[in-house]
Amino acid sequence: MQLYRLYILNSRNGRIAHERHFVAKDDATAIWIAEGIRHSRAMELWHGGSKIHAWEALSLRVARSATPPEESIQIIQTIVN
């Protein structure tokens, strides 16, 4: 088992906001574990002095800006009325 560090970064300055340590048998397993800890902020996974993987910040605007097709709105209005 090897020690990994997951850094959750501050979106304003890119510095480390939170740090999580965990053990995993290899890099692929460590990435899988980090995916389960996924945060909306950017993250970096490190093992020793090597960066294993990086995640960009998730955009919350994408989910909010999605609008249903006009047909869906009409169907919902028909069911409600």
N, C-alpha and C. Protein backbone atom coordinates (compact mmCIF):
# COMPACT_ATOMS: atom_id res chain seq x y z
N MET A 1 0.84 -1.18 0.00
CA MET A 1 0.00 0.00 0.00
C MET A 1 0.89 1.24 0.00
N GLN A 2 0.44 2.24 -0.75
CA GLN A 2 1.21 3.47 -0.89
C GLN A 2 0.38 4.66 -0.41
N LEU A 3 1.05 5.68 0.10
CA LEU A 3 0.37 6.88 0.59
C LEU A 3 0.16 7.87 -0.56
N TYR A 4 -1.06 8.39 -0.67
CA TYR A 4 -1.41 9.40 -1.67
C TYR A 4 -1.96 10.62 -0.96
N ARG A 5 -1.77 11.79 -1.62
CA ARG A 5 -2.31 13.04 -1.09
C ARG A 5 -3.24 13.64 -2.14
N LEU A 6 -4.43 14.00 -1.72
CA LEU A 6 -5.38 14.64 -2.61
C LEU A 6 -5.53 16.08 -2.14
N TYR A 7 -5.23 17.01 -3.02
CA TYR A 7 -5.33 18.43 -2.71
C TYR A 7 -6.58 19.00 -3.38
N ILE A 8 -7.43 19.64 -2.60
CA ILE A 8 -8.57 20.37 -3.13
C ILE A 8 -8.14 21.83 -3.14
N LEU A 9 -8.19 22.44 -4.32
CA LEU A 9 -7.60 23.76 -4.51
C LEU A 9 -8.61 24.90 -4.34
N ASN A 10 -8.10 26.02 -3.89
CA ASN A 10 -8.90 27.23 -3.76
C ASN A 10 -9.15 27.78 -5.15
N SER A 11 -10.40 28.05 -5.49
CA SER A 11 -10.73 28.49 -6.85
C SER A 11 -10.24 29.90 -7.14
N ARG A 12 -9.99 30.68 -6.12
CA ARG A 12 -9.55 32.07 -6.33
C ARG A 12 -8.05 32.19 -6.59
N ASN A 13 -7.24 31.44 -5.84
CA ASN A 13 -5.80 31.62 -5.97
C ASN A 13 -5.06 30.35 -6.36
N GLY A 14 -5.75 29.21 -6.48
CA GLY A 14 -5.12 27.97 -6.89
C GLY A 14 -4.30 27.28 -5.81
N ARG A 15 -4.30 27.84 -4.61
CA ARG A 15 -3.55 27.22 -3.52
C ARG A 15 -4.38 26.12 -2.87
N ILE A 16 -3.72 25.31 -2.06
CA ILE A 16 -4.38 24.20 -1.41
C ILE A 16 -5.35 24.71 -0.35
N ALA A 17 -6.62 24.32 -0.49
CA ALA A 17 -7.64 24.69 0.49
C ALA A 17 -7.84 23.55 1.50
N HIS A 18 -7.80 22.31 1.01
CA HIS A 18 -7.97 21.12 1.85
C HIS A 18 -7.03 20.04 1.36
N GLU A 19 -6.64 19.18 2.27
CA GLU A 19 -5.72 18.09 1.95
C GLU A 19 -6.27 16.81 2.55
N ARG A 20 -6.31 15.74 1.75
CA ARG A 20 -6.75 14.43 2.24
C ARG A 20 -5.63 13.43 1.96
N HIS A 21 -5.36 12.58 2.92
CA HIS A 21 -4.35 11.52 2.77
C HIS A 21 -5.08 10.18 2.79
N PHE A 22 -4.64 9.27 1.94
CA PHE A 22 -5.19 7.92 1.96
C PHE A 22 -4.18 6.96 1.36
N VAL A 23 -4.40 5.68 1.57
CA VAL A 23 -3.52 4.67 0.99
C VAL A 23 -4.26 3.90 -0.08
N ALA A 24 -3.50 3.47 -1.08
CA ALA A 24 -4.05 2.67 -2.17
C ALA A 24 -2.94 1.76 -2.69
N LYS A 25 -3.33 0.69 -3.37
CA LYS A 25 -2.31 -0.26 -3.83
C LYS A 25 -1.57 0.23 -5.07
N ASP A 26 -2.20 1.13 -5.88
CA ASP A 26 -1.53 1.65 -7.07
C ASP A 26 -2.21 2.94 -7.51
N ASP A 27 -1.65 3.56 -8.56
CA ASP A 27 -2.18 4.84 -9.04
C ASP A 27 -3.63 4.73 -9.51
N ALA A 28 -3.95 3.69 -10.25
CA ALA A 28 -5.32 3.54 -10.76
C ALA A 28 -6.33 3.46 -9.62
N THR A 29 -6.00 2.73 -8.58
CA THR A 29 -6.88 2.62 -7.43
C THR A 29 -6.99 3.96 -6.72
N ALA A 30 -5.89 4.69 -6.62
CA ALA A 30 -5.91 6.00 -5.97
C ALA A 30 -6.79 6.98 -6.75
N ILE A 31 -6.73 6.94 -8.06
CA ILE A 31 -7.59 7.80 -8.88
C ILE A 31 -9.05 7.44 -8.65
N TRP A 32 -9.35 6.16 -8.59
CA TRP A 32 -10.72 5.70 -8.35
C TRP A 32 -11.22 6.20 -6.98
N ILE A 33 -10.39 6.12 -5.97
CA ILE A 33 -10.76 6.60 -4.63
C ILE A 33 -11.00 8.11 -4.67
N ALA A 34 -10.10 8.84 -5.32
CA ALA A 34 -10.24 10.29 -5.40
C ALA A 34 -11.51 10.70 -6.13
N GLU A 35 -11.89 9.94 -7.16
CA GLU A 35 -13.15 10.22 -7.87
C GLU A 35 -14.34 10.15 -6.91
N GLY A 36 -14.27 9.25 -5.95
CA GLY A 36 -15.34 9.12 -4.95
C GLY A 36 -15.38 10.29 -3.98
N ILE A 37 -14.27 11.00 -3.87
CA ILE A 37 -14.18 12.16 -2.98
C ILE A 37 -14.43 13.44 -3.78
N ARG A 38 -14.69 13.31 -5.05
CA ARG A 38 -14.77 14.44 -6.00
C ARG A 38 -15.45 15.65 -5.41
N HIS A 39 -14.86 16.79 -5.64
CA HIS A 39 -15.33 18.07 -5.14
C HIS A 39 -15.59 18.97 -6.33
N SER A 40 -16.37 20.02 -6.15
CA SER A 40 -16.63 20.94 -7.26
C SER A 40 -15.40 21.77 -7.60
N ARG A 41 -14.47 21.90 -6.67
CA ARG A 41 -13.24 22.64 -6.92
C ARG A 41 -12.23 21.77 -7.67
N ALA A 42 -11.21 22.44 -8.20
CA ALA A 42 -10.13 21.71 -8.86
C ALA A 42 -9.40 20.86 -7.82
N MET A 43 -8.87 19.71 -8.25
CA MET A 43 -8.17 18.80 -7.35
C MET A 43 -6.91 18.28 -8.03
N GLU A 44 -5.93 17.91 -7.20
CA GLU A 44 -4.72 17.26 -7.69
C GLU A 44 -4.41 16.08 -6.79
N LEU A 45 -4.03 14.96 -7.42
CA LEU A 45 -3.64 13.75 -6.69
C LEU A 45 -2.13 13.57 -6.83
N TRP A 46 -1.45 13.42 -5.68
CA TRP A 46 0.00 13.30 -5.66
C TRP A 46 0.43 12.03 -4.94
N HIS A 47 1.53 11.46 -5.41
CA HIS A 47 2.20 10.34 -4.75
C HIS A 47 3.66 10.71 -4.68
N GLY A 48 4.17 10.92 -3.47
CA GLY A 48 5.54 11.39 -3.33
C GLY A 48 5.66 12.75 -3.99
N GLY A 49 6.66 12.90 -4.86
CA GLY A 49 6.86 14.16 -5.57
C GLY A 49 6.24 14.20 -6.95
N SER A 50 5.38 13.23 -7.26
CA SER A 50 4.79 13.14 -8.59
C SER A 50 3.29 13.41 -8.57
N LYS A 51 2.86 14.29 -9.49
CA LYS A 51 1.43 14.51 -9.66
C LYS A 51 0.88 13.36 -10.50
N ILE A 52 -0.09 12.64 -9.96
CA ILE A 52 -0.66 11.47 -10.64
C ILE A 52 -1.81 11.86 -11.56
N HIS A 53 -2.66 12.77 -11.08
CA HIS A 53 -3.84 13.15 -11.85
C HIS A 53 -4.33 14.51 -11.38
N ALA A 54 -5.01 15.25 -12.26
CA ALA A 54 -5.60 16.54 -11.90
C ALA A 54 -7.02 16.61 -12.44
N TRP A 55 -7.87 17.24 -11.69
CA TRP A 55 -9.27 17.47 -12.08
C TRP A 55 -9.51 18.96 -12.13
N GLU A 56 -10.19 19.43 -13.15
CA GLU A 56 -10.57 20.83 -13.22
C GLU A 56 -11.80 21.05 -12.35
N ALA A 57 -12.04 22.30 -11.99
CA ALA A 57 -13.24 22.63 -11.21
C ALA A 57 -14.48 22.32 -12.05
N LEU A 58 -15.51 21.83 -11.39
CA LEU A 58 -16.77 21.56 -12.07
C LEU A 58 -17.54 22.86 -12.23
N SER A 59 -18.13 23.05 -13.37
CA SER A 59 -18.93 24.25 -13.60
C SER A 59 -20.37 23.96 -13.22
N LEU A 60 -20.87 24.68 -12.24
CA LEU A 60 -22.26 24.50 -11.82
C LEU A 60 -23.22 25.22 -12.75
N ARG A 61 -22.73 26.17 -13.51
CA ARG A 61 -23.60 26.90 -14.43
C ARG A 61 -24.11 26.02 -15.55
N VAL A 62 -23.36 25.00 -15.93
CA VAL A 62 -23.79 24.12 -17.01
C VAL A 62 -25.11 23.45 -16.66
N ALA A 63 -25.21 22.92 -15.46
CA ALA A 63 -26.43 22.23 -15.05
C ALA A 63 -27.59 23.21 -14.90
N ARG A 64 -27.34 24.38 -14.40
CA ARG A 64 -28.40 25.36 -14.19
C ARG A 64 -28.90 25.96 -15.50
N SER A 65 -28.04 26.07 -16.49
CA SER A 65 -28.43 26.73 -17.73
C SER A 65 -29.15 25.79 -18.69
N ALA A 66 -29.13 24.52 -18.41
CA ALA A 66 -29.80 23.57 -19.29
C ALA A 66 -31.30 23.76 -19.22
N THR A 67 -31.92 23.97 -20.37
CA THR A 67 -33.38 24.14 -20.40
C THR A 67 -33.98 23.01 -21.22
N PRO A 68 -35.14 22.53 -20.80
CA PRO A 68 -35.75 21.43 -21.54
C PRO A 68 -36.25 21.91 -22.89
N PRO A 69 -36.39 21.00 -23.85
CA PRO A 69 -36.93 21.38 -25.16
C PRO A 69 -38.37 21.89 -25.00
N GLU A 70 -38.80 22.71 -25.93
CA GLU A 70 -40.15 23.31 -25.88
C GLU A 70 -41.22 22.23 -25.78
N GLU A 71 -41.04 21.11 -26.47
CA GLU A 71 -42.05 20.03 -26.41
C GLU A 71 -42.23 19.52 -24.98
N SER A 72 -41.16 19.42 -24.24
CA SER A 72 -41.23 18.94 -22.86
C SER A 72 -42.04 19.89 -21.99
N ILE A 73 -41.84 21.18 -22.22
CA ILE A 73 -42.58 22.17 -21.44
C ILE A 73 -44.06 22.06 -21.73
N GLN A 74 -44.42 21.89 -22.98
CA GLN A 74 -45.83 21.78 -23.35
C GLN A 74 -46.45 20.52 -22.74
N ILE A 75 -45.74 19.42 -22.75
CA ILE A 75 -46.25 18.18 -22.17
C ILE A 75 -46.48 18.36 -20.68
N ILE A 76 -45.54 18.97 -19.99
CA ILE A 76 -45.69 19.20 -18.56
C ILE A 76 -46.88 20.11 -18.30
N GLN A 77 -47.05 21.17 -19.09
CA GLN A 77 -48.17 22.06 -18.89
C GLN A 77 -49.49 21.37 -19.16
N THR A 78 -49.53 20.49 -20.15
CA THR A 78 -50.75 19.75 -20.46
C THR A 78 -51.12 18.82 -19.32
N ILE A 79 -50.16 18.16 -18.72
CA ILE A 79 -50.42 17.24 -17.63
C ILE A 79 -50.90 18.01 -16.39
N VAL A 80 -50.27 19.16 -16.12
CA VAL A 80 -50.64 19.94 -14.96
C VAL A 80 -52.03 20.54 -15.12
N ASN A 81 -52.38 21.00 -16.30
CA ASN A 81 -53.69 21.62 -16.54
C ASN A 81 -54.67 20.54 -16.75
